[in-house]
Protein backbone atom coordinates (compact mmCIF):
# COMPACT_ATOMS: atom_id res chain seq x y z
CA MET A 1 17.96 3.21 -4.85
CA SER A 2 20.19 0.84 -6.19
CA GLY A 3 21.36 -1.38 -3.38
CA LYS A 4 20.10 -5.15 -4.02
CA ASP A 5 18.68 -5.56 -0.67
CA GLU A 6 18.44 -2.18 0.69
CA PHE A 7 15.58 -1.63 3.11
CA SER A 8 14.78 1.00 5.47
CA ILE A 9 11.89 2.85 7.08
CA PHE A 10 11.62 6.49 7.85
CA ASN A 11 8.95 7.94 9.96
CA VAL A 12 7.87 11.55 10.43
CA SER A 13 5.58 13.32 12.75
CA THR A 14 5.54 17.03 13.44
CA ASP A 15 2.81 16.36 16.31
CA ASP A 16 5.46 16.96 19.15
CA ILE A 17 7.83 19.11 17.42
CA PRO A 18 8.11 22.83 18.15
CA GLU A 19 7.00 25.11 15.29
CA ASP A 20 10.15 26.57 14.59
CA GLU A 21 11.88 23.20 14.27
CA ARG A 22 9.45 21.53 11.96
CA VAL A 23 10.80 22.83 8.63
CA PRO A 24 14.48 21.66 9.45
CA LEU A 25 13.13 18.08 10.28
CA LEU A 26 11.15 18.02 7.12
CA ARG A 27 14.25 19.26 5.14
CA GLU A 28 16.29 16.39 6.46
CA PHE A 29 13.65 13.96 5.95
CA TYR A 30 13.46 14.83 2.44
CA CYS A 31 17.17 14.44 2.02
CA ARG A 32 17.22 10.90 3.83
CA GLY A 33 13.90 9.41 3.25
CA VAL A 34 12.58 10.57 -0.27
CA LEU A 35 14.80 12.54 -2.64
CA LYS A 36 16.73 15.55 -2.25
CA ALA A 37 14.81 18.75 -2.03
CA GLU A 38 14.32 22.12 -0.41
CA VAL A 39 11.67 22.60 1.81
CA GLU A 40 10.11 26.11 2.62
CA ALA A 41 7.65 27.59 5.00
CA ARG A 42 4.33 28.55 3.32
CA ASP A 43 2.47 31.75 4.04
CA GLY A 44 3.74 32.03 7.48
CA LYS A 45 1.76 28.99 8.51
CA PRO A 46 3.27 26.40 10.96
CA ALA A 47 4.31 23.32 8.94
CA ALA A 48 2.58 19.91 9.88
CA ALA A 49 3.48 16.56 8.46
CA SER A 50 2.99 12.73 9.02
CA PHE A 51 4.98 10.63 6.66
CA THR A 52 6.20 6.89 6.44
CA SER A 53 8.60 6.35 3.68
CA HIS A 54 9.82 2.70 2.66
CA VAL A 55 13.17 2.38 0.95
CA LEU A 56 13.07 -0.59 -1.16
CA PRO A 57 15.44 -2.20 -3.87
CA GLU A 58 14.53 -0.30 -6.87
CA ALA A 59 11.27 1.48 -5.33
CA GLN A 60 10.38 4.14 -2.46
CA LEU A 61 6.90 4.21 -1.29
CA LEU A 62 5.61 7.32 0.66
CA ILE A 63 2.37 7.51 2.52
CA GLY A 64 1.28 10.53 4.52
CA GLY A 65 0.56 14.20 4.22
CA MET A 66 1.85 17.80 4.78
CA CYS A 67 0.45 21.28 5.10
CA GLY A 68 2.08 24.76 5.74
CA ALA A 69 5.09 24.04 3.49
CA ARG A 70 6.14 23.47 -0.05
CA VAL A 71 8.97 21.08 -1.38
CA ILE A 72 11.00 22.13 -4.23
CA ARG A 73 13.42 20.21 -6.11
CA THR A 74 15.37 23.13 -7.13
CA LYS A 75 17.89 23.48 -10.30
CA GLN A 76 20.81 23.14 -8.00
CA LEU A 77 19.35 19.89 -6.40
CA ILE A 78 18.61 18.29 -9.88
CA ALA A 79 22.35 18.07 -10.70
CA ASP A 80 22.73 14.93 -8.25
CA GLY A 81 22.27 12.61 -11.09
CA ASP A 82 18.86 11.09 -9.57
CA ASP A 83 16.61 10.09 -12.53
CA SER A 84 13.98 8.44 -10.66
CA LEU A 85 10.34 8.70 -11.86
CA ALA A 86 7.42 9.07 -9.20
CA LEU A 87 3.88 8.46 -9.36
CA ILE A 88 1.87 10.83 -7.26
CA VAL A 89 -1.57 9.78 -6.16
CA ASN A 90 -3.49 12.39 -4.25
CA ARG A 91 -6.04 10.63 -1.89
CA SER A 92 -7.61 13.50 -0.27
CA GLY A 93 -7.50 17.49 -0.39
CA VAL A 94 -6.00 19.43 -3.20
CA LEU A 95 -2.38 19.00 -4.09
CA GLY A 96 -0.52 21.55 -6.33
CA ILE A 97 2.49 20.50 -8.67
CA SER A 98 4.63 22.55 -10.81
CA GLU A 99 7.04 21.06 -13.42
CA ARG A 100 8.01 21.37 -17.08
CA GLY A 101 6.12 24.50 -17.33
CA ARG A 102 3.02 23.04 -16.23
CA ASP A 103 1.18 23.91 -12.99
CA LEU A 104 -1.33 21.05 -11.83
CA LYS A 105 -3.91 20.81 -9.14
CA LEU A 106 -4.32 17.25 -8.29
CA HIS A 107 -8.01 16.44 -6.71
CA ALA A 108 -8.74 13.36 -4.46
CA GLY A 109 -8.19 10.21 -6.48
CA GLU A 110 -6.21 11.82 -9.14
CA ALA A 111 -2.45 10.93 -10.18
CA VAL A 112 0.58 12.20 -12.07
CA LEU A 113 4.02 11.04 -12.95
CA THR A 114 6.81 13.29 -11.88
CA SER A 115 10.58 13.30 -12.78
CA ALA A 116 13.44 13.94 -10.42
CA GLU A 117 15.46 15.21 -13.43
CA ASP A 118 13.08 18.50 -13.69
CA VAL A 119 12.79 21.33 -11.09
CA THR A 120 9.51 20.23 -9.42
CA THR A 121 7.36 22.06 -6.63
CA PHE A 122 4.94 20.29 -4.58
CA GLU A 123 2.46 22.21 -2.36
CA ARG A 124 -0.59 20.91 -0.63
CA LEU A 125 -3.30 23.47 -1.26
CA LEU A 126 -5.94 21.93 1.00
CA LEU A 127 -5.21 19.51 3.94
CA GLY A 128 -5.11 16.02 2.89
CA SER A 129 -2.87 13.05 2.21
CA GLY A 130 -1.17 11.46 -0.56
CA PHE A 131 0.92 8.15 -1.80
CA SER A 132 3.65 8.03 -3.97
CA LEU A 133 5.87 5.32 -5.81
CA ARG A 134 9.40 6.24 -6.85
CA VAL A 135 11.37 3.99 -9.15
CA PRO A 136 14.54 4.11 -11.03
CA ARG A 137 13.94 5.49 -15.04
CA ARG A 138 16.11 2.47 -16.22
CA VAL A 139 13.32 0.02 -14.55
CA LEU A 140 10.33 1.82 -16.09
CA ALA A 141 11.31 3.22 -19.30
CA PRO A 142 11.48 -0.47 -21.20
CA MET A 143 7.86 -0.96 -20.10
CA ILE A 144 6.47 2.26 -21.40
CA VAL A 145 5.82 3.15 -24.68
CA ASP A 146 7.36 7.02 -24.20
CA VAL A 147 8.02 7.39 -20.58
CA ASP A 148 8.86 11.17 -21.20
CA ASP A 149 5.30 11.89 -22.96
CA ALA A 150 3.65 10.13 -19.40
CA VAL A 151 5.45 12.88 -17.18
CA MET A 152 2.95 15.54 -15.84
CA ARG A 153 0.12 13.98 -17.61
CA VAL A 154 -2.99 14.02 -15.13
CA ILE A 155 -4.10 10.31 -14.67
CA PRO A 156 -7.88 10.20 -13.79
CA GLU A 157 -9.16 8.27 -10.77
CA GLY A 158 -10.67 5.47 -12.62
CA THR A 159 -7.49 4.62 -14.76
CA THR A 160 -6.84 1.10 -15.00
CA GLY A 161 -4.94 -0.30 -12.25
CA LEU A 162 -4.59 2.88 -10.24
CA ARG A 163 -6.66 1.80 -7.22
CA LEU A 164 -5.33 -1.86 -7.59
CA LEU A 165 -1.77 -0.28 -7.33
CA VAL A 166 -2.56 1.86 -4.24
CA ASP A 167 -4.23 -0.67 -2.49
CA TYR A 168 -1.50 -3.60 -3.04
CA ALA A 169 1.13 -1.02 -1.86
CA ILE A 170 -0.66 -0.19 1.37
CA ALA A 171 -1.43 -3.81 2.02
CA LEU A 172 2.10 -4.69 1.78
CA VAL A 173 2.87 -1.95 4.32
CA HIS A 174 0.16 -2.81 6.86
CA GLU A 175 0.95 -6.51 6.80
CA ARG A 176 4.55 -5.89 7.12
CA ALA A 177 5.41 -8.04 4.09
CA LEU A 178 8.16 -5.91 2.93
CA ALA A 179 10.20 -6.85 5.86
CA VAL A 180 10.72 -10.40 4.55
CA PRO A 181 13.27 -10.30 1.86
CA ALA A 182 11.49 -12.77 -0.54
CA MET A 183 8.20 -10.99 -0.20
CA ARG A 184 10.10 -7.67 -0.79
CA GLN A 185 11.52 -8.95 -3.91
CA LEU A 186 8.26 -10.01 -5.21
CA GLY A 187 6.37 -7.06 -4.18
CA VAL A 188 8.51 -4.69 -5.70
CA ALA A 189 8.24 -6.59 -9.11
CA HIS A 190 4.55 -6.58 -8.66
CA LEU A 191 4.56 -2.65 -8.08
CA HIS A 192 6.73 -2.25 -11.27
CA ASP A 193 4.26 -4.19 -13.37
CA LEU A 194 1.24 -2.51 -11.98
CA LEU A 195 2.78 1.00 -12.38
CA ALA A 196 3.53 0.28 -16.07
CA LEU A 197 -0.14 -0.86 -16.53
CA VAL A 198 -1.50 2.57 -14.92
CA LEU A 199 0.87 4.49 -17.36
CA GLY A 200 0.26 2.55 -20.58
CA ALA A 201 2.52 -0.35 -20.83
CA THR A 202 3.84 -1.67 -24.19
CA ASP A 203 2.12 -4.74 -25.45
CA HIS A 204 4.65 -7.01 -24.29
CA ALA A 205 4.76 -5.53 -20.96
CA ARG A 206 0.92 -5.46 -20.56
CA ASP A 207 1.05 -9.06 -21.22
CA VAL A 208 3.31 -9.88 -18.27
CA THR A 209 1.67 -7.52 -16.05
CA GLY A 210 -1.83 -9.57 -16.76
CA ARG A 211 0.04 -12.76 -15.57
CA ARG A 212 1.92 -11.26 -12.69
CA GLY A 213 1.34 -7.86 -11.28
CA VAL A 214 -2.45 -7.61 -11.45
CA LYS A 215 -3.21 -11.00 -10.35
CA ALA A 216 -1.12 -10.86 -7.42
CA ALA A 217 -2.41 -7.66 -6.46
CA ARG A 218 -6.06 -8.84 -6.63
CA LEU A 219 -5.14 -11.73 -4.60
CA GLN A 220 -3.45 -9.74 -2.04
CA ARG A 221 -6.42 -7.28 -2.02
CA ALA A 222 -8.86 -10.10 -1.52
CA LYS A 223 -6.71 -11.82 1.37
CA PHE A 224 -6.73 -8.33 3.06
CA LEU A 225 -10.48 -7.87 2.78
CA ILE A 226 -11.14 -11.44 4.09
CA ALA A 227 -8.84 -11.08 6.99
CA ASN A 228 -10.53 -7.67 8.07
CA ASN A 229 -14.07 -8.72 7.45
CA CYS A 230 -13.78 -12.47 8.35
CA TRP A 231 -16.27 -12.08 11.35
CA GLN A 232 -19.23 -11.40 9.08
CA GLN A 233 -20.99 -14.63 8.63
CA ASP A 234 -22.32 -13.43 5.13
CA LEU A 235 -18.94 -12.96 3.74
CA SER A 236 -18.74 -14.91 0.57
CA VAL A 237 -16.70 -15.38 -2.66
CA ALA A 238 -19.32 -13.58 -4.39
CA SER A 239 -19.20 -10.36 -2.26
CA VAL A 240 -15.57 -10.14 -2.23
CA ALA A 241 -15.38 -10.85 -5.89
CA GLN A 242 -18.10 -7.71 -6.19
CA GLU A 243 -15.69 -5.54 -4.29
CA LEU A 244 -12.84 -6.32 -6.34
CA GLY A 245 -14.71 -6.07 -9.55
CA VAL A 246 -14.14 -9.59 -10.90
CA THR A 247 -16.07 -12.81 -11.25
CA PRO A 248 -16.47 -15.32 -8.49
CA ARG A 249 -14.66 -18.01 -10.73
CA TYR A 250 -12.04 -15.59 -11.28
CA LEU A 251 -11.20 -14.77 -7.68
CA GLN A 252 -11.47 -18.76 -6.83
CA ARG A 253 -8.94 -19.46 -9.59
CA LEU A 254 -6.70 -17.03 -7.94
CA PHE A 255 -6.84 -18.74 -4.56
CA GLU A 256 -6.47 -22.16 -6.38
CA ALA A 257 -3.20 -21.06 -7.88
CA ASP A 258 -1.87 -19.91 -4.68
CA GLY A 259 -2.35 -23.44 -3.26
CA LYS A 260 -5.65 -23.02 -1.50
CA THR A 261 -9.45 -22.38 -1.76
CA PHE A 262 -11.34 -19.17 -0.82
CA SER A 263 -13.21 -21.35 1.77
CA SER A 264 -10.16 -22.71 3.35
CA PHE A 265 -8.49 -19.27 3.50
CA LEU A 266 -11.62 -17.90 5.03
CA THR A 267 -11.92 -20.66 7.69
CA GLU A 268 -8.37 -20.25 8.47
CA GLN A 269 -8.63 -16.41 9.21
CA ARG A 270 -11.80 -17.11 11.47
CA LEU A 271 -9.87 -19.77 13.43
CA LYS A 272 -6.99 -17.51 13.88
CA ARG A 273 -9.10 -14.90 15.36
CA ALA A 274 -10.86 -17.22 17.69
CA HIS A 275 -7.61 -18.48 18.73
CA ARG A 276 -6.41 -14.94 19.72
CA MET A 277 -9.77 -14.28 21.53
CA LEU A 278 -9.49 -17.63 23.69
CA ARG A 279 -6.06 -16.66 24.78
CA GLU A 280 -7.02 -12.94 25.78
CA PRO A 281 -7.95 -12.02 29.25
CA ASP A 282 -10.60 -9.70 27.90
CA PHE A 283 -12.77 -12.61 26.43
CA ALA A 284 -12.29 -15.06 29.53
CA ALA A 285 -15.94 -14.70 30.48
CA ARG A 286 -17.22 -15.17 27.05
CA PRO A 287 -18.59 -18.85 26.14
CA VAL A 288 -16.74 -20.59 23.54
CA SER A 289 -19.92 -20.85 21.54
CA SER A 290 -20.23 -16.88 21.70
CA ILE A 291 -16.63 -16.76 20.46
CA ALA A 292 -17.30 -19.23 17.67
CA TYR A 293 -20.27 -17.08 16.44
CA ASP A 294 -18.30 -13.58 16.89
CA VAL A 295 -15.73 -15.03 14.51
CA GLY A 296 -18.28 -15.89 11.81
CA PHE A 297 -18.98 -19.61 12.21
CA GLY A 298 -22.58 -20.55 12.34
CA ASP A 299 -22.42 -23.91 13.48
CA LEU A 300 -20.78 -24.65 16.67
CA SER A 301 -19.93 -28.35 15.78
CA TYR A 302 -18.44 -27.47 12.75
CA PHE A 303 -16.31 -24.90 14.34
CA ASN A 304 -14.83 -27.45 17.17
CA ARG A 305 -14.24 -29.89 14.37
CA CYS A 306 -12.26 -27.20 12.32
CA PHE A 307 -10.47 -25.68 15.37
CA ARG A 308 -9.21 -29.35 16.62
CA ARG A 309 -8.07 -30.07 13.15
CA ALA A 310 -6.24 -26.67 12.75
CA TYR A 311 -4.55 -26.56 16.26
CA GLY A 312 -4.63 -30.33 17.64
CA ALA A 313 -6.51 -29.21 20.68
CA THR A 314 -10.16 -28.12 21.60
CA PRO A 315 -10.94 -24.50 22.32
CA SER A 316 -11.15 -25.27 25.86
CA ASP A 317 -7.62 -26.55 25.93
CA VAL A 318 -6.31 -23.52 24.32
CA ARG A 319 -8.31 -21.33 26.85
CA SER A 320 -6.78 -23.10 29.90
CA GLY A 321 -3.42 -22.88 28.57
CA GLY A 322 -2.95 -26.38 28.00
CA ALA A 323 -2.41 -25.90 24.33
CA PHE A 324 -0.86 -23.18 22.47
């Protein structure tokens, strides 16, 4: 977790693995992809898991779920010097965590901070999935009033910034932004800010997160919502702002600070969708006008003008292969 440009991805799935080989596979994953921990079979049930771990400079993201096994950070293993702290967010099911003499059951939406310096047991009590963000103690400690006091304290689902943190992290993964060095560095900084906000940042750190992490995460979330719903003709700055829990003017300012307007970004996403459809054989028989409406345009003339401005060619030129 100390490499300046460190970046790797570990994917693990037991779907095609024989039952007697699953626990050894998970044990290897935890030693290489998360942190050193022992994995034990639970109640004689076959272990099953599906995980993706992103190892980043000063952060690790883990998304996935497991059942039929327990993960134990043993007394022997905590001697390895790893002092990282991890925010564990239970997204569905029930997750049991034991640490510092406390036994917690996290329900859907709840979270807790754990420490790699303590003996810890993770055990999924009901099938579900989770998310975790692990960072070095030296990064988080200066940003929190009392970082040790935050360990093993249940964080309710509605805590300020919690959903924003998870949504932002998942958006970074889905959009493959972490593969780009500049985006990776910026994304990790924003994740640190949001984590501090969730845990109760100092006044100074809270001010910083307000300027950096929260705004960046909200803008990223807005772009994700637009890209995945741009085909809806009634998609508007008001509807996206409502989904994010902010005012339309606040959302407009976020886009303006990024060098674009909400409308221009929405139009750009619709044009990209139309461009892909025009080049795909599956849509070869569909009229250009139909594609224009399918991607969210309500006026064919406006669509044609925007398309020519963006690509220097007409939709028919792109479809025929005369332009790219």
